[in-house]
């Protein structure tokens, strides 16, 4: 449904000086409301790392960015899969080296059951071979833990924005 909205605009009239002219503008209110709602919805994240201190640090970094919330923390890849099934997150951050199931194996399963959910793999060391393996498993980005955590935040933002459009 389109609604008429009127905007005021100052125009210079040749003989009457400054006057206000009303210009009708057509606005699709439903589309604008939907775009606003998607942009302002809380983004849910699952973080998986076997180190509790790292999970806590990731939670703090991610939740410091506006409307992001870490809904679930997992201690290994299998736990990450279970949490993701329960919580339906907008993003999943996985550590590479975890007991029971590593991040790449977990990503492979998660990508099959939730293909639209972006996956970020974190590792202390990254290289071309790891990037290729991660990509083949469905990982959208590999981020080094040695980098500034703003790199992770920027990549998460980019992936979640792309997933909503």
Protein backbone atom coordinates (compact mmCIF):
# COMPACT_ATOMS: atom_id res chain seq x y z
CA UNK A 1 0.00 0.00 0.00
CA UNK A 2 1.40 3.38 -0.93
CA UNK A 3 0.78 6.43 1.18
CA UNK A 4 1.04 10.04 0.13
CA UNK A 5 3.55 12.05 2.09
CA UNK A 6 4.04 15.75 1.61
CA UNK A 7 7.42 17.40 1.92
CA UNK A 8 7.95 21.14 2.18
CA UNK A 9 10.59 22.75 0.05
CA UNK A 10 11.67 26.41 -0.11
CA UNK A 11 11.64 27.71 -3.66
CA UNK A 12 12.45 31.11 -5.11
CA UNK A 13 9.45 32.48 -6.99
CA UNK A 14 10.32 35.16 -9.54
CA UNK A 15 7.88 37.83 -8.34
CA UNK A 16 6.73 36.70 -4.89
CA UNK A 17 10.01 36.17 -3.00
CA UNK A 18 10.45 33.03 -0.84
CA UNK A 19 7.43 30.73 -0.79
CA UNK A 20 6.83 27.21 0.40
CA UNK A 21 5.76 24.67 -2.19
CA UNK A 22 4.35 21.28 -1.24
CA UNK A 23 5.57 18.36 -3.34
CA UNK A 24 3.73 15.01 -3.07
CA UNK A 25 6.07 12.02 -2.63
CA UNK A 26 4.98 8.39 -2.93
CA UNK A 27 6.31 6.17 -0.13
CA UNK A 28 5.93 2.41 0.27
CA UNK A 29 5.39 2.32 4.04
CA UNK A 30 5.42 -1.49 4.35
CA UNK A 31 8.77 -1.78 2.60
CA UNK A 32 10.28 0.98 4.73
CA UNK A 33 8.94 -0.62 7.92
CA UNK A 34 10.30 -4.04 6.94
CA UNK A 35 13.74 -2.61 6.12
CA UNK A 36 13.80 -0.71 9.42
CA UNK A 37 12.78 -3.82 11.38
CA UNK A 38 15.47 -5.99 9.76
CA UNK A 39 18.15 -3.34 10.29
CA UNK A 40 17.26 -2.92 13.97
CA UNK A 41 16.60 -6.53 14.95
CA UNK A 42 18.86 -8.05 17.56
CA UNK A 43 21.40 -10.33 15.86
CA UNK A 44 21.88 -13.66 17.63
CA UNK A 45 25.32 -15.27 17.68
CA UNK A 46 26.71 -18.64 18.81
CA UNK A 47 30.37 -18.76 19.83
CA UNK A 48 32.29 -22.04 20.05
CA UNK A 49 35.72 -22.31 21.68
CA UNK A 50 37.08 -24.82 24.19
CA UNK A 51 38.76 -22.01 26.18
CA UNK A 52 36.31 -20.27 28.53
CA UNK A 53 38.42 -17.08 28.64
CA UNK A 54 38.39 -16.84 24.84
CA UNK A 55 34.60 -17.41 24.74
CA UNK A 56 34.16 -14.66 27.34
CA UNK A 57 36.40 -12.26 25.38
CA UNK A 58 34.55 -13.01 22.12
CA UNK A 59 31.21 -12.42 23.86
CA UNK A 60 32.40 -9.04 25.18
CA UNK A 61 33.77 -7.92 21.81
CA UNK A 62 30.71 -9.01 19.84
CA UNK A 63 28.11 -7.73 22.30
CA UNK A 64 29.78 -4.31 22.46
CA UNK A 65 28.49 -3.74 18.93
CA UNK A 66 24.96 -2.43 19.28
CA UNK A 67 22.23 -4.97 18.85
CA UNK A 68 24.32 -8.17 18.81
CA UNK A 69 23.76 -10.82 21.46
CA UNK A 70 25.72 -14.02 22.06
CA UNK A 71 22.82 -16.39 22.72
CA UNK A 72 24.92 -19.52 23.08
CA UNK A 73 28.41 -20.62 23.96
CA UNK A 74 29.72 -24.03 22.98
CA UNK A 75 32.80 -25.92 24.21
CA UNK A 76 33.36 -28.01 21.06
CA UNK A 77 32.09 -28.52 17.52
CA UNK A 78 29.39 -31.01 18.48
CA UNK A 79 28.09 -28.66 21.17
CA UNK A 80 28.09 -25.82 18.60
CA UNK A 81 25.87 -27.86 16.28
CA UNK A 82 23.40 -28.62 19.09
CA UNK A 83 23.30 -24.98 20.25
CA UNK A 84 22.80 -23.74 16.69
CA UNK A 85 19.90 -26.15 16.14
CA UNK A 86 18.23 -24.91 19.34
CA UNK A 87 18.93 -21.18 18.99
CA UNK A 88 18.77 -20.50 15.21
CA UNK A 89 21.53 -17.85 15.27
CA UNK A 90 22.28 -15.18 12.67
CA UNK A 91 26.04 -15.92 12.89
CA UNK A 92 28.26 -18.71 14.22
CA UNK A 93 31.87 -18.16 15.29
CA UNK A 94 33.95 -21.36 15.58
CA UNK A 95 37.42 -22.05 16.91
CA UNK A 96 39.51 -24.30 14.67
CA UNK A 97 41.03 -26.53 17.36
CA UNK A 98 38.44 -28.00 19.73
CA UNK A 99 38.01 -31.43 21.30
CA UNK A 100 35.29 -33.90 20.19
CA UNK A 101 34.80 -32.09 16.84
CA UNK A 102 37.00 -29.37 15.36
CA UNK A 103 35.72 -26.16 13.79
CA UNK A 104 36.06 -27.27 10.17
CA UNK A 105 34.10 -30.50 10.74
CA UNK A 106 31.45 -28.58 12.67
CA UNK A 107 31.26 -25.98 9.89
CA UNK A 108 30.69 -28.70 7.32
CA UNK A 109 27.66 -30.00 9.28
CA UNK A 110 26.36 -26.52 10.11
CA UNK A 111 26.60 -25.42 6.48
CA UNK A 112 24.50 -28.43 5.44
CA UNK A 113 21.75 -27.86 8.00
CA UNK A 114 21.84 -24.01 8.03
CA UNK A 115 23.21 -22.90 4.66
CA UNK A 116 22.08 -19.28 5.11
CA UNK A 117 23.86 -18.74 8.42
CA UNK A 118 27.32 -17.17 8.03
CA UNK A 119 30.23 -19.05 9.61
CA UNK A 120 33.46 -17.49 10.84
CA UNK A 121 36.41 -19.72 11.73
CA UNK A 122 38.94 -18.37 14.25
CA UNK A 123 42.44 -19.77 14.50
CA UNK A 124 45.69 -18.65 16.05
CA UNK A 125 47.47 -19.26 12.74
CA UNK A 126 45.98 -18.94 9.26
CA UNK A 127 47.40 -19.94 5.90
CA UNK A 128 46.22 -20.68 2.35
CA UNK A 129 45.66 -24.40 3.04
CA UNK A 130 43.46 -23.64 6.06
CA UNK A 131 41.54 -21.03 4.05
CA UNK A 132 40.89 -23.57 1.26
CA UNK A 133 39.77 -26.29 3.72
CA UNK A 134 37.52 -23.84 5.55
CA UNK A 135 35.97 -22.56 2.33
CA UNK A 136 35.28 -26.12 1.15
CA UNK A 137 33.50 -26.77 4.49
CA UNK A 138 31.23 -23.76 4.02
CA UNK A 139 33.09 -21.21 6.16
CA UNK A 140 32.53 -17.64 4.98
CA UNK A 141 35.60 -16.10 6.64
CA UNK A 142 38.74 -17.14 8.49
CA UNK A 143 40.02 -14.71 11.11
CA UNK A 144 43.29 -14.98 12.99
CA UNK A 145 43.09 -14.66 16.78
CA UNK A 146 46.42 -12.81 16.54
CA UNK A 147 44.71 -9.97 14.65
CA UNK A 148 42.93 -7.05 16.24
CA UNK A 149 39.44 -8.18 17.27
CA UNK A 150 37.99 -5.32 15.23
CA UNK A 151 38.77 -7.50 12.18
CA UNK A 152 36.37 -10.12 13.57
CA UNK A 153 33.72 -7.47 14.29
CA UNK A 154 34.00 -5.98 10.80
CA UNK A 155 33.78 -9.39 9.15
CA UNK A 156 30.78 -10.36 11.31
CA UNK A 157 28.99 -7.13 10.42
CA UNK A 158 29.70 -7.60 6.72
CA UNK A 159 28.47 -11.20 6.70
CA UNK A 160 25.30 -10.51 8.68
CA UNK A 161 24.41 -7.54 6.47
CA UNK A 162 24.93 -9.65 3.35
CA UNK A 163 22.79 -12.46 4.80
CA UNK A 164 19.80 -10.11 5.34
CA UNK A 165 19.86 -8.71 1.79
